Amino acid sequence: MTTLLLLELFAGFLAAGMALWFILLSRPSPRIERGLSSAAVVRSDAGGSLRLRQALGGYFLRKGLTVNIALLVLRLAIGGLMIHHGQEKLADPQQFANTYVASLHLPFPLFFAYAAGFSELIGSWLLILGLLTPIGALAITGTMTVAAYQHILTAGLNIYVLELVLLYLGGSLALLLIGPGRFSFDGAMVNDLIAEPSQPAPENFESGSMVTAS
């Protein structure tokens, strides 16, 4: 368990460091040079670039304080509670492979046991930090989908067996579809990426010389 705790802490600090590094790299540089006309700015921002920025903003930067707080709470709840499931799998992957993976008749059950454990552990950290949230949500959604199928295969439609798996599945799928919200590393990075650059003060020229008001 000590090794897994160190792995968990290392993954968390690594993810946080990567997020801070990406934020520094993604800070917008001045893209409007002195003397660039407004018409040229509109042309350079038209078409696919504008649509892409709108799509990123709509997914990562939800409007409304309540909505963003709710997404933060959902991320922390699913990520914080899912971590120990990944730890349990990695603590004894052979037992998990024999107990659960073998019933699915998949090849290399030990490999899939490790894959499930790391998906839940790393995916939980990504959700908690809001870093690469779609990847973290997809990892947990995938493992919970397989878990739901395994429970149905072995125990049928037993709500008492399925309820916890379906709660995790529904929450992670909701985050995958809705996005992490503004209170996340993803939100900070996207906010910088799609921020409108500040335009310099206009200068008026007439016959090569600047016109000043008398």
N, C-alpha and C. Protein backbone atom coordinates (compact mmCIF):
# COMPACT_ATOMS: atom_id res chain seq x y z
N MET A 1 0.83 -1.21 0.00
CA MET A 1 0.00 0.00 0.00
C MET A 1 0.86 1.26 0.00
N THR A 2 2.06 1.18 0.65
CA THR A 2 2.95 2.33 0.67
C THR A 2 3.42 2.67 -0.74
N THR A 3 3.75 1.64 -1.52
CA THR A 3 4.17 1.87 -2.90
C THR A 3 3.07 2.53 -3.71
N LEU A 4 1.84 2.07 -3.52
CA LEU A 4 0.72 2.67 -4.26
C LEU A 4 0.47 4.10 -3.83
N LEU A 5 0.65 4.38 -2.54
CA LEU A 5 0.47 5.76 -2.08
C LEU A 5 1.51 6.68 -2.69
N LEU A 6 2.76 6.21 -2.75
CA LEU A 6 3.79 7.00 -3.39
C LEU A 6 3.50 7.20 -4.87
N LEU A 7 3.00 6.15 -5.53
CA LEU A 7 2.65 6.27 -6.93
C LEU A 7 1.52 7.28 -7.12
N GLU A 8 0.56 7.25 -6.23
CA GLU A 8 -0.56 8.18 -6.32
C GLU A 8 -0.08 9.62 -6.14
N LEU A 9 0.78 9.85 -5.14
CA LEU A 9 1.29 11.20 -4.90
C LEU A 9 2.15 11.68 -6.07
N PHE A 10 2.97 10.77 -6.59
CA PHE A 10 3.81 11.12 -7.73
C PHE A 10 2.96 11.50 -8.94
N ALA A 11 1.92 10.71 -9.20
CA ALA A 11 1.05 11.01 -10.33
C ALA A 11 0.35 12.35 -10.14
N GLY A 12 -0.05 12.65 -8.91
CA GLY A 12 -0.71 13.93 -8.65
C GLY A 12 0.22 15.11 -8.87
N PHE A 13 1.44 15.04 -8.30
CA PHE A 13 2.38 16.15 -8.48
C PHE A 13 2.81 16.27 -9.94
N LEU A 14 2.97 15.15 -10.62
CA LEU A 14 3.34 15.19 -12.03
C LEU A 14 2.25 15.85 -12.85
N ALA A 15 1.00 15.49 -12.58
CA ALA A 15 -0.11 16.08 -13.32
C ALA A 15 -0.20 17.58 -13.04
N ALA A 16 -0.03 17.96 -11.78
CA ALA A 16 -0.09 19.38 -11.45
C ALA A 16 1.04 20.16 -12.11
N GLY A 17 2.24 19.58 -12.11
CA GLY A 17 3.37 20.24 -12.77
C GLY A 17 3.16 20.39 -14.27
N MET A 18 2.63 19.34 -14.90
CA MET A 18 2.34 19.42 -16.33
C MET A 18 1.30 20.49 -16.61
N ALA A 19 0.28 20.58 -15.75
CA ALA A 19 -0.76 21.58 -15.96
C ALA A 19 -0.18 22.99 -15.88
N LEU A 20 0.65 23.25 -14.87
CA LEU A 20 1.25 24.57 -14.74
C LEU A 20 2.17 24.88 -15.92
N TRP A 21 2.90 23.88 -16.38
CA TRP A 21 3.77 24.07 -17.53
C TRP A 21 2.97 24.41 -18.78
N PHE A 22 1.88 23.69 -19.01
CA PHE A 22 1.05 23.96 -20.18
C PHE A 22 0.40 25.34 -20.10
N ILE A 23 0.05 25.76 -18.88
CA ILE A 23 -0.52 27.09 -18.73
C ILE A 23 0.48 28.16 -19.14
N LEU A 24 1.74 27.99 -18.71
CA LEU A 24 2.76 28.96 -19.08
C LEU A 24 3.00 28.96 -20.59
N LEU A 25 3.00 27.78 -21.19
CA LEU A 25 3.24 27.69 -22.63
C LEU A 25 2.08 28.26 -23.44
N SER A 26 0.88 28.15 -22.91
CA SER A 26 -0.31 28.51 -23.69
C SER A 26 -0.74 29.95 -23.48
N ARG A 27 0.03 30.74 -22.75
CA ARG A 27 -0.34 32.14 -22.58
C ARG A 27 -0.29 32.83 -23.92
N PRO A 28 -1.33 33.58 -24.27
CA PRO A 28 -1.39 34.18 -25.61
C PRO A 28 -0.33 35.25 -25.80
N SER A 29 0.30 35.21 -26.94
CA SER A 29 1.26 36.25 -27.29
C SER A 29 0.56 37.32 -28.11
N PRO A 30 1.06 38.55 -28.10
CA PRO A 30 0.41 39.61 -28.89
C PRO A 30 0.41 39.24 -30.36
N ARG A 31 -0.78 39.05 -30.91
CA ARG A 31 -0.88 38.63 -32.30
C ARG A 31 -1.28 39.79 -33.21
N ILE A 32 -1.54 40.94 -32.62
CA ILE A 32 -1.95 42.09 -33.43
C ILE A 32 -0.81 43.10 -33.41
N GLU A 33 -0.11 43.25 -34.48
CA GLU A 33 1.03 44.13 -34.54
C GLU A 33 0.57 45.56 -34.80
N ARG A 34 1.45 46.47 -34.52
CA ARG A 34 1.15 47.88 -34.70
C ARG A 34 0.87 48.17 -36.15
N GLY A 35 -0.24 48.86 -36.40
CA GLY A 35 -0.61 49.22 -37.76
C GLY A 35 -1.47 48.21 -38.45
N LEU A 36 -1.79 47.06 -37.81
CA LEU A 36 -2.64 46.04 -38.43
C LEU A 36 -4.07 46.52 -38.40
N SER A 37 -4.74 46.49 -39.51
CA SER A 37 -6.09 47.03 -39.60
C SER A 37 -7.09 46.08 -38.99
N SER A 38 -8.26 46.61 -38.60
CA SER A 38 -9.31 45.79 -38.01
C SER A 38 -9.85 44.78 -39.00
N ALA A 39 -9.89 45.14 -40.28
CA ALA A 39 -10.38 44.21 -41.29
C ALA A 39 -9.49 42.98 -41.39
N ALA A 40 -8.17 43.18 -41.27
CA ALA A 40 -7.25 42.04 -41.32
C ALA A 40 -7.43 41.15 -40.11
N VAL A 41 -7.70 41.74 -38.93
CA VAL A 41 -7.93 40.94 -37.74
C VAL A 41 -9.16 40.08 -37.89
N VAL A 42 -10.22 40.64 -38.43
CA VAL A 42 -11.45 39.88 -38.63
C VAL A 42 -11.24 38.74 -39.60
N ARG A 43 -10.48 39.01 -40.68
CA ARG A 43 -10.23 37.95 -41.66
C ARG A 43 -9.40 36.83 -41.07
N SER A 44 -8.38 37.18 -40.25
CA SER A 44 -7.53 36.14 -39.67
C SER A 44 -8.25 35.31 -38.63
N ASP A 45 -9.32 35.85 -38.07
CA ASP A 45 -10.03 35.14 -37.01
C ASP A 45 -11.30 34.47 -37.51
N ALA A 46 -11.59 34.61 -38.80
CA ALA A 46 -12.84 34.09 -39.33
C ALA A 46 -12.72 32.60 -39.61
N GLY A 47 -13.88 32.00 -39.91
CA GLY A 47 -13.90 30.61 -40.34
C GLY A 47 -13.69 29.63 -39.23
N GLY A 48 -12.84 28.62 -39.54
CA GLY A 48 -12.67 27.50 -38.62
C GLY A 48 -12.07 27.88 -37.29
N SER A 49 -11.15 28.87 -37.26
CA SER A 49 -10.53 29.26 -35.99
C SER A 49 -11.56 29.79 -35.02
N LEU A 50 -12.47 30.63 -35.50
CA LEU A 50 -13.50 31.19 -34.63
C LEU A 50 -14.44 30.11 -34.13
N ARG A 51 -14.83 29.21 -35.01
CA ARG A 51 -15.73 28.13 -34.60
C ARG A 51 -15.06 27.21 -33.58
N LEU A 52 -13.76 26.94 -33.78
CA LEU A 52 -13.04 26.10 -32.84
C LEU A 52 -12.98 26.75 -31.46
N ARG A 53 -12.71 28.04 -31.40
CA ARG A 53 -12.66 28.74 -30.13
C ARG A 53 -14.02 28.76 -29.45
N GLN A 54 -15.06 28.92 -30.23
CA GLN A 54 -16.41 28.89 -29.65
C GLN A 54 -16.74 27.51 -29.09
N ALA A 55 -16.33 26.46 -29.81
CA ALA A 55 -16.60 25.10 -29.33
C ALA A 55 -15.82 24.81 -28.06
N LEU A 56 -14.54 25.21 -28.01
CA LEU A 56 -13.74 25.00 -26.81
C LEU A 56 -14.30 25.77 -25.63
N GLY A 57 -14.70 27.01 -25.88
CA GLY A 57 -15.28 27.81 -24.80
C GLY A 57 -16.58 27.23 -24.30
N GLY A 58 -17.42 26.73 -25.20
CA GLY A 58 -18.69 26.15 -24.79
C GLY A 58 -18.53 24.88 -23.98
N TYR A 59 -17.47 24.11 -24.25
CA TYR A 59 -17.26 22.84 -23.53
C TYR A 59 -16.53 23.04 -22.22
N PHE A 60 -15.45 23.82 -22.22
CA PHE A 60 -14.61 23.95 -21.03
C PHE A 60 -15.00 25.12 -20.14
N LEU A 61 -15.65 26.13 -20.67
CA LEU A 61 -15.92 27.35 -19.91
C LEU A 61 -17.42 27.56 -19.81
N ARG A 62 -18.05 26.78 -18.99
CA ARG A 62 -19.50 26.90 -18.80
C ARG A 62 -19.84 28.21 -18.11
N LYS A 63 -20.98 28.78 -18.46
CA LYS A 63 -21.43 30.02 -17.84
C LYS A 63 -22.24 29.71 -16.59
N GLY A 64 -22.10 30.57 -15.61
CA GLY A 64 -22.87 30.41 -14.39
C GLY A 64 -22.04 29.87 -13.24
N LEU A 65 -22.04 30.58 -12.13
CA LEU A 65 -21.26 30.16 -10.97
C LEU A 65 -21.76 28.83 -10.42
N THR A 66 -23.08 28.66 -10.32
CA THR A 66 -23.65 27.45 -9.75
C THR A 66 -23.28 26.22 -10.57
N VAL A 67 -23.34 26.34 -11.89
CA VAL A 67 -23.01 25.22 -12.77
C VAL A 67 -21.55 24.80 -12.58
N ASN A 68 -20.65 25.77 -12.51
CA ASN A 68 -19.24 25.45 -12.37
C ASN A 68 -18.91 24.87 -11.00
N ILE A 69 -19.58 25.36 -9.96
CA ILE A 69 -19.40 24.75 -8.64
C ILE A 69 -19.90 23.31 -8.64
N ALA A 70 -21.05 23.07 -9.27
CA ALA A 70 -21.60 21.72 -9.33
C ALA A 70 -20.66 20.77 -10.07
N LEU A 71 -20.06 21.22 -11.16
CA LEU A 71 -19.11 20.38 -11.89
C LEU A 71 -17.87 20.10 -11.06
N LEU A 72 -17.40 21.09 -10.29
CA LEU A 72 -16.26 20.88 -9.42
C LEU A 72 -16.59 19.83 -8.35
N VAL A 73 -17.76 19.93 -7.74
CA VAL A 73 -18.17 18.97 -6.71
C VAL A 73 -18.27 17.57 -7.31
N LEU A 74 -18.84 17.46 -8.51
CA LEU A 74 -18.98 16.15 -9.16
C LEU A 74 -17.61 15.55 -9.46
N ARG A 75 -16.69 16.37 -9.95
CA ARG A 75 -15.34 15.87 -10.24
C ARG A 75 -14.64 15.39 -8.98
N LEU A 76 -14.72 16.18 -7.91
CA LEU A 76 -14.06 15.80 -6.66
C LEU A 76 -14.69 14.54 -6.05
N ALA A 77 -16.01 14.43 -6.14
CA ALA A 77 -16.69 13.27 -5.56
C ALA A 77 -16.30 11.99 -6.30
N ILE A 78 -16.40 12.01 -7.63
CA ILE A 78 -16.09 10.80 -8.39
C ILE A 78 -14.60 10.47 -8.30
N GLY A 79 -13.76 11.48 -8.50
CA GLY A 79 -12.32 11.22 -8.45
C GLY A 79 -11.84 10.79 -7.07
N GLY A 80 -12.33 11.46 -6.02
CA GLY A 80 -11.89 11.12 -4.67
C GLY A 80 -12.34 9.75 -4.22
N LEU A 81 -13.53 9.33 -4.63
CA LEU A 81 -14.04 8.02 -4.22
C LEU A 81 -13.53 6.89 -5.10
N MET A 82 -13.18 7.20 -6.35
CA MET A 82 -12.73 6.16 -7.27
C MET A 82 -11.28 5.78 -7.04
N ILE A 83 -10.49 6.65 -6.40
CA ILE A 83 -9.07 6.38 -6.22
C ILE A 83 -8.84 5.06 -5.49
N HIS A 84 -9.59 4.84 -4.41
CA HIS A 84 -9.31 3.64 -3.61
C HIS A 84 -9.68 2.36 -4.35
N HIS A 85 -10.60 2.44 -5.32
CA HIS A 85 -10.90 1.26 -6.13
C HIS A 85 -9.69 0.89 -7.00
N GLY A 86 -9.05 1.91 -7.55
CA GLY A 86 -7.84 1.64 -8.32
C GLY A 86 -6.72 1.11 -7.45
N GLN A 87 -6.60 1.65 -6.23
CA GLN A 87 -5.58 1.17 -5.31
C GLN A 87 -5.80 -0.30 -4.94
N GLU A 88 -7.05 -0.66 -4.69
CA GLU A 88 -7.35 -2.05 -4.33
C GLU A 88 -6.99 -3.01 -5.46
N LYS A 89 -7.28 -2.60 -6.69
CA LYS A 89 -6.94 -3.47 -7.83
C LYS A 89 -5.43 -3.63 -7.97
N LEU A 90 -4.69 -2.55 -7.80
CA LEU A 90 -3.24 -2.62 -7.96
C LEU A 90 -2.56 -3.25 -6.76
N ALA A 91 -3.23 -3.27 -5.60
CA ALA A 91 -2.65 -3.93 -4.43
C ALA A 91 -2.53 -5.44 -4.63
N ASP A 92 -3.51 -6.03 -5.33
CA ASP A 92 -3.46 -7.48 -5.62
C ASP A 92 -4.10 -7.71 -6.99
N PRO A 93 -3.39 -7.36 -8.05
CA PRO A 93 -3.97 -7.49 -9.39
C PRO A 93 -4.28 -8.92 -9.79
N GLN A 94 -3.52 -9.88 -9.27
CA GLN A 94 -3.79 -11.27 -9.64
C GLN A 94 -5.14 -11.73 -9.10
N GLN A 95 -5.47 -11.34 -7.87
CA GLN A 95 -6.77 -11.70 -7.31
C GLN A 95 -7.91 -11.05 -8.09
N PHE A 96 -7.73 -9.79 -8.47
CA PHE A 96 -8.77 -9.13 -9.26
C PHE A 96 -8.93 -9.81 -10.62
N ALA A 97 -7.79 -10.20 -11.20
CA ALA A 97 -7.86 -10.88 -12.50
C ALA A 97 -8.58 -12.21 -12.38
N ASN A 98 -8.30 -12.97 -11.32
CA ASN A 98 -8.95 -14.27 -11.14
C ASN A 98 -10.43 -14.13 -10.79
N THR A 99 -10.78 -13.09 -10.04
CA THR A 99 -12.14 -12.96 -9.55
C THR A 99 -13.08 -12.33 -10.58
N TYR A 100 -12.61 -11.28 -11.25
CA TYR A 100 -13.50 -10.50 -12.12
C TYR A 100 -13.15 -10.65 -13.60
N VAL A 101 -11.88 -10.45 -13.95
CA VAL A 101 -11.52 -10.43 -15.37
C VAL A 101 -11.70 -11.81 -15.99
N ALA A 102 -11.39 -12.85 -15.24
CA ALA A 102 -11.51 -14.20 -15.80
C ALA A 102 -12.94 -14.53 -16.21
N SER A 103 -13.92 -13.97 -15.50
CA SER A 103 -15.32 -14.25 -15.83
C SER A 103 -15.73 -13.64 -17.16
N LEU A 104 -14.97 -12.68 -17.66
CA LEU A 104 -15.26 -12.07 -18.96
C LEU A 104 -14.62 -12.84 -20.11
N HIS A 105 -13.80 -13.84 -19.78
CA HIS A 105 -13.13 -14.69 -20.78
C HIS A 105 -12.26 -13.86 -21.72
N LEU A 106 -11.60 -12.87 -21.16
CA LEU A 106 -10.68 -12.05 -21.94
C LEU A 106 -9.28 -12.65 -21.91
N PRO A 107 -8.51 -12.49 -22.98
CA PRO A 107 -7.12 -12.96 -22.94
C PRO A 107 -6.29 -12.04 -22.05
N PHE A 108 -5.23 -12.58 -21.50
CA PHE A 108 -4.31 -11.81 -20.66
C PHE A 108 -5.05 -11.10 -19.52
N PRO A 109 -5.71 -11.84 -18.65
CA PRO A 109 -6.50 -11.20 -17.59
C PRO A 109 -5.67 -10.33 -16.66
N LEU A 110 -4.41 -10.70 -16.41
CA LEU A 110 -3.58 -9.88 -15.52
C LEU A 110 -3.30 -8.52 -16.14
N PHE A 111 -3.10 -8.49 -17.45
CA PHE A 111 -2.88 -7.21 -18.14
C PHE A 111 -4.09 -6.30 -17.99
N PHE A 112 -5.28 -6.87 -18.19
CA PHE A 112 -6.49 -6.06 -18.07
C PHE A 112 -6.75 -5.65 -16.62
N ALA A 113 -6.29 -6.43 -15.67
CA ALA A 113 -6.41 -6.03 -14.27
C ALA A 113 -5.56 -4.80 -13.99
N TYR A 114 -4.33 -4.80 -14.48
CA TYR A 114 -3.48 -3.63 -14.33
C TYR A 114 -4.07 -2.43 -15.08
N ALA A 115 -4.59 -2.67 -16.28
CA ALA A 115 -5.16 -1.58 -17.07
C ALA A 115 -6.34 -0.94 -16.33
N ALA A 116 -7.20 -1.77 -15.72
CA ALA A 116 -8.33 -1.23 -14.97
C ALA A 116 -7.87 -0.44 -13.76
N GLY A 117 -6.89 -0.97 -13.04
CA GLY A 117 -6.40 -0.28 -11.85
C GLY A 117 -5.78 1.07 -12.17
N PHE A 118 -4.90 1.11 -13.16
CA PHE A 118 -4.26 2.38 -13.52
C PHE A 118 -5.26 3.35 -14.15
N SER A 119 -6.23 2.84 -14.90
CA SER A 119 -7.25 3.73 -15.47
C SER A 119 -8.04 4.43 -14.38
N GLU A 120 -8.39 3.68 -13.33
CA GLU A 120 -9.15 4.29 -12.24
C GLU A 120 -8.28 5.22 -11.41
N LEU A 121 -7.03 4.85 -11.17
CA LEU A 121 -6.16 5.67 -10.34
C LEU A 121 -5.79 6.98 -11.05
N ILE A 122 -5.27 6.87 -12.26
CA ILE A 122 -4.85 8.06 -13.00
C ILE A 122 -6.07 8.87 -13.44
N GLY A 123 -7.12 8.18 -13.88
CA GLY A 123 -8.33 8.90 -14.27
C GLY A 123 -8.93 9.70 -13.13
N SER A 124 -8.85 9.17 -11.91
CA SER A 124 -9.36 9.90 -10.75
C SER A 124 -8.57 11.18 -10.51
N TRP A 125 -7.24 11.10 -10.62
CA TRP A 125 -6.43 12.29 -10.43
C TRP A 125 -6.72 13.33 -11.50
N LEU A 126 -6.92 12.89 -12.74
CA LEU A 126 -7.23 13.84 -13.80
C LEU A 126 -8.56 14.55 -13.55
N LEU A 127 -9.53 13.82 -13.02
CA LEU A 127 -10.81 14.44 -12.69
C LEU A 127 -10.67 15.42 -11.53
N ILE A 128 -9.92 15.03 -10.51
CA ILE A 128 -9.77 15.91 -9.34
C ILE A 128 -9.10 17.22 -9.74
N LEU A 129 -8.04 17.13 -10.53
CA LEU A 129 -7.32 18.33 -10.94
C LEU A 129 -8.03 19.07 -12.07
N GLY A 130 -8.92 18.40 -12.77
CA GLY A 130 -9.50 19.02 -13.95
C GLY A 130 -8.48 19.18 -15.06
N LEU A 131 -7.54 18.25 -15.13
CA LEU A 131 -6.47 18.27 -16.13
C LEU A 131 -6.71 17.14 -17.13
N LEU A 132 -6.79 17.48 -18.42
CA LEU A 132 -7.13 16.48 -19.44
C LEU A 132 -8.38 15.72 -19.00
N THR A 133 -9.36 16.46 -18.57
CA THR A 133 -10.57 15.87 -17.98
C THR A 133 -11.28 14.89 -18.91
N PRO A 134 -11.43 15.18 -20.21
CA PRO A 134 -12.09 14.19 -21.07
C PRO A 134 -11.40 12.83 -21.07
N ILE A 135 -10.05 12.82 -21.00
CA ILE A 135 -9.33 11.55 -20.97
C ILE A 135 -9.60 10.82 -19.66
N GLY A 136 -9.54 11.55 -18.54
CA GLY A 136 -9.83 10.92 -17.25
C GLY A 136 -11.25 10.40 -17.17
N ALA A 137 -12.21 11.20 -17.64
CA ALA A 137 -13.61 10.76 -17.62
C ALA A 137 -13.81 9.56 -18.54
N LEU A 138 -13.14 9.55 -19.69
CA LEU A 138 -13.27 8.42 -20.61
C LEU A 138 -12.69 7.16 -20.01
N ALA A 139 -11.57 7.28 -19.28
CA ALA A 139 -10.95 6.11 -18.65
C ALA A 139 -11.88 5.49 -17.62
N ILE A 140 -12.49 6.32 -16.77
CA ILE A 140 -13.39 5.79 -15.75
C ILE A 140 -14.68 5.29 -16.38
N THR A 141 -15.19 5.98 -17.38
CA THR A 141 -16.40 5.51 -18.07
C THR A 141 -16.17 4.13 -18.69
N GLY A 142 -15.00 3.94 -19.29
CA GLY A 142 -14.70 2.64 -19.90
C GLY A 142 -14.63 1.52 -18.89
N THR A 143 -13.93 1.75 -17.78
CA THR A 143 -13.81 0.70 -16.77
C THR A 143 -15.16 0.40 -16.12
N MET A 144 -15.97 1.43 -15.90
CA MET A 144 -17.28 1.21 -15.29
C MET A 144 -18.25 0.52 -16.25
N THR A 145 -18.10 0.78 -17.53
CA THR A 145 -18.94 0.07 -18.51
C THR A 145 -18.62 -1.42 -18.51
N VAL A 146 -17.32 -1.74 -18.48
CA VAL A 146 -16.92 -3.15 -18.42
C VAL A 146 -17.38 -3.77 -17.10
N ALA A 147 -17.26 -3.01 -16.00
CA ALA A 147 -17.69 -3.52 -14.70
C ALA A 147 -19.19 -3.79 -14.68
N ALA A 148 -19.97 -2.88 -15.27
CA ALA A 148 -21.42 -3.09 -15.33
C ALA A 148 -21.76 -4.34 -16.15
N TYR A 149 -21.06 -4.52 -17.27
CA TYR A 149 -21.29 -5.71 -18.09
C TYR A 149 -20.93 -6.97 -17.31
N GLN A 150 -19.83 -6.92 -16.55
CA GLN A 150 -19.41 -8.10 -15.77
C GLN A 150 -20.44 -8.43 -14.70
N HIS A 151 -20.98 -7.41 -14.03
CA HIS A 151 -21.99 -7.66 -12.99
C HIS A 151 -23.27 -8.24 -13.60
N ILE A 152 -23.68 -7.72 -14.74
CA ILE A 152 -24.88 -8.25 -15.39
C ILE A 152 -24.65 -9.68 -15.85
N LEU A 153 -23.45 -9.96 -16.33
CA LEU A 153 -23.13 -11.30 -16.82
C LEU A 153 -23.14 -12.33 -15.70
N THR A 154 -22.68 -11.93 -14.52
CA THR A 154 -22.55 -12.90 -13.42
C THR A 154 -23.73 -12.89 -12.45
N ALA A 155 -24.38 -11.71 -12.28
CA ALA A 155 -25.46 -11.62 -11.28
C ALA A 155 -26.78 -11.16 -11.86
N GLY A 156 -26.83 -10.92 -13.17
CA GLY A 156 -28.08 -10.45 -13.76
C GLY A 156 -28.34 -8.99 -13.42
N LEU A 157 -29.57 -8.55 -13.65
CA LEU A 157 -29.94 -7.16 -13.39
C LEU A 157 -30.29 -6.98 -11.92
N ASN A 158 -29.27 -7.10 -11.08
CA ASN A 158 -29.44 -6.95 -9.64
C ASN A 158 -29.07 -5.52 -9.27
N ILE A 159 -30.06 -4.73 -8.87
CA ILE A 159 -29.82 -3.32 -8.62
C ILE A 159 -28.85 -3.10 -7.47
N TYR A 160 -28.85 -4.01 -6.49
CA TYR A 160 -27.96 -3.84 -5.35
C TYR A 160 -26.50 -4.07 -5.73
N VAL A 161 -26.27 -4.83 -6.79
CA VAL A 161 -24.92 -5.04 -7.27
C VAL A 161 -24.51 -3.95 -8.26
N LEU A 162 -25.48 -3.47 -9.02
CA LEU A 162 -25.19 -2.54 -10.10
C LEU A 162 -25.20 -1.07 -9.67
N GLU A 163 -25.85 -0.73 -8.55
CA GLU A 163 -26.12 0.68 -8.28
C GLU A 163 -24.84 1.51 -8.17
N LEU A 164 -23.82 1.03 -7.47
CA LEU A 164 -22.60 1.82 -7.30
C LEU A 164 -21.87 1.99 -8.63
N VAL A 165 -21.80 0.91 -9.39
CA VAL A 165 -21.13 0.98 -10.69
C VAL A 165 -21.85 1.97 -11.61
N LEU A 166 -23.17 1.92 -11.61
CA LEU A 166 -23.93 2.82 -12.48
C LEU A 166 -23.83 4.27 -12.04
N LEU A 167 -23.70 4.51 -10.74
CA LEU A 167 -23.51 5.88 -10.27
C LEU A 167 -22.18 6.45 -10.77
N TYR A 168 -21.11 5.66 -10.63
CA TYR A 168 -19.82 6.10 -11.17
C TYR A 168 -19.88 6.26 -12.68
N LEU A 169 -20.54 5.33 -13.35
CA LEU A 169 -20.65 5.40 -14.81
C LEU A 169 -21.42 6.64 -15.24
N GLY A 170 -22.54 6.91 -14.59
CA GLY A 170 -23.33 8.08 -14.95
C GLY A 170 -22.59 9.38 -14.68
N GLY A 171 -21.91 9.47 -13.54
CA GLY A 171 -21.18 10.70 -13.22
C GLY A 171 -20.02 10.95 -14.16
N SER A 172 -19.22 9.92 -14.45
CA SER A 172 -18.08 10.10 -15.34
C SER A 172 -18.54 10.37 -16.78
N LEU A 173 -19.63 9.75 -17.20
CA LEU A 173 -20.16 10.01 -18.54
C LEU A 173 -20.69 11.44 -18.64
N ALA A 174 -21.32 11.93 -17.57
CA ALA A 174 -21.80 13.31 -17.57
C ALA A 174 -20.64 14.29 -17.70
N LEU A 175 -19.54 14.04 -16.98
CA LEU A 175 -18.37 14.92 -17.09
C LEU A 175 -17.74 14.84 -18.48
N LEU A 176 -17.76 13.66 -19.07
CA LEU A 176 -17.23 13.51 -20.42
C LEU A 176 -18.03 14.33 -21.42
N LEU A 177 -19.34 14.38 -21.24
CA LEU A 177 -20.21 15.08 -22.19
C LEU A 177 -20.29 16.58 -21.91
N ILE A 178 -20.26 16.97 -20.65
CA ILE A 178 -20.48 18.37 -20.28
C ILE A 178 -19.17 19.14 -20.20
N GLY A 179 -18.11 18.51 -19.72
CA GLY A 179 -16.85 19.21 -19.54
C GLY A 179 -16.54 19.45 -18.07
N PRO A 180 -15.33 19.92 -17.75
CA PRO A 180 -14.90 20.04 -16.36
C PRO A 180 -15.36 21.31 -15.66
N GLY A 181 -15.78 22.32 -16.40
CA GLY A 181 -16.13 23.59 -15.79
C GLY A 181 -14.93 24.52 -15.68
N ARG A 182 -15.20 25.74 -15.27
CA ARG A 182 -14.15 26.76 -15.21
C ARG A 182 -13.14 26.51 -14.10
N PHE A 183 -13.57 25.86 -13.01
CA PHE A 183 -12.68 25.66 -11.87
C PHE A 183 -11.83 24.41 -12.08
N SER A 184 -10.96 24.47 -13.08
CA SER A 184 -10.13 23.33 -13.45
C SER A 184 -8.91 23.84 -14.19
N PHE A 185 -7.88 23.00 -14.28
CA PHE A 185 -6.70 23.36 -15.06
C PHE A 185 -7.06 23.47 -16.53
N ASP A 186 -7.93 22.60 -17.00
CA ASP A 186 -8.36 22.68 -18.39
C ASP A 186 -9.03 24.02 -18.68
N GLY A 187 -9.89 24.46 -17.76
CA GLY A 187 -10.57 25.73 -17.95
C GLY A 187 -9.60 26.90 -18.01
N ALA A 188 -8.57 26.88 -17.13
CA ALA A 188 -7.58 27.96 -17.15
C ALA A 188 -6.79 27.98 -18.44
N MET A 189 -6.40 26.79 -18.93
CA MET A 189 -5.62 26.73 -20.16
C MET A 189 -6.45 27.18 -21.36
N VAL A 190 -7.68 26.70 -21.45
CA VAL A 190 -8.53 27.07 -22.59
C VAL A 190 -8.87 28.54 -22.54
N ASN A 191 -9.08 29.08 -21.34
CA ASN A 191 -9.39 30.51 -21.22
C ASN A 191 -8.25 31.36 -21.77
N ASP A 192 -7.01 30.95 -21.52
CA ASP A 192 -5.86 31.67 -22.08
C ASP A 192 -5.75 31.47 -23.59
N LEU A 193 -6.03 30.27 -24.05
CA LEU A 193 -5.88 29.98 -25.47
C LEU A 193 -6.86 30.75 -26.34
N ILE A 194 -8.08 30.91 -25.86
CA ILE A 194 -9.11 31.55 -26.68
C ILE A 194 -9.33 33.00 -26.33
N ALA A 195 -8.50 33.54 -25.41
CA ALA A 195 -8.66 34.94 -25.01
C ALA A 195 -8.40 35.85 -26.20
N GLU A 196 -9.21 36.88 -26.31
CA GLU A 196 -9.02 37.85 -27.37
C GLU A 196 -7.79 38.70 -27.07
N PRO A 197 -6.87 38.84 -28.02
CA PRO A 197 -5.70 39.69 -27.79
C PRO A 197 -6.09 41.16 -27.71
N SER A 198 -5.39 41.89 -26.87
CA SER A 198 -5.69 43.31 -26.72
C SER A 198 -5.16 44.09 -27.91
N GLN A 199 -5.95 45.01 -28.40
CA GLN A 199 -5.56 45.80 -29.56
C GLN A 199 -4.90 47.09 -29.11
N PRO A 200 -3.85 47.52 -29.79
CA PRO A 200 -3.20 48.78 -29.43
C PRO A 200 -4.06 49.97 -29.79
N ALA A 201 -3.76 51.10 -29.19
CA ALA A 201 -4.51 52.31 -29.47
C ALA A 201 -4.31 52.70 -30.92
N PRO A 202 -5.40 53.05 -31.63
CA PRO A 202 -5.28 53.39 -33.05
C PRO A 202 -4.50 54.68 -33.25
N GLU A 203 -3.77 54.77 -34.36
CA GLU A 203 -3.01 55.95 -34.71
C GLU A 203 -3.49 56.43 -36.07
N ASN A 204 -3.70 57.69 -36.21
CA ASN A 204 -4.18 58.28 -37.46
C ASN A 204 -3.01 58.90 -38.22
N PHE A 205 -2.91 58.59 -39.48
CA PHE A 205 -1.83 59.11 -40.30
C PHE A 205 -2.44 59.80 -41.50
N GLU A 206 -1.83 60.93 -41.88
CA GLU A 206 -2.27 61.65 -43.06
C GLU A 206 -1.04 62.17 -43.79
N SER A 207 -0.88 61.68 -45.01
CA SER A 207 0.28 62.07 -45.84
C SER A 207 1.60 61.73 -45.14
N GLY A 208 1.57 60.57 -44.45
CA GLY A 208 2.81 60.11 -43.84
C GLY A 208 3.11 60.72 -42.49
N SER A 209 2.34 61.66 -42.03
CA SER A 209 2.58 62.28 -40.71
C SER A 209 1.37 62.11 -39.86
N MET A 210 1.55 62.02 -38.53
CA MET A 210 0.46 61.80 -37.60
C MET A 210 -0.33 63.07 -37.42
N VAL A 211 -1.69 62.91 -37.41
CA VAL A 211 -2.59 64.03 -37.23
C VAL A 211 -2.92 64.14 -35.75
N THR A 212 -2.67 65.26 -35.16
CA THR A 212 -2.98 65.49 -33.75
C THR A 212 -4.08 66.53 -33.63
N ALA A 213 -4.88 66.36 -32.62
CA ALA A 213 -5.98 67.30 -32.42
C ALA A 213 -5.43 68.61 -31.90
N SER A 214 -5.94 69.69 -32.45
CA SER A 214 -5.50 71.01 -32.01
C SER A 214 -6.25 71.44 -30.77
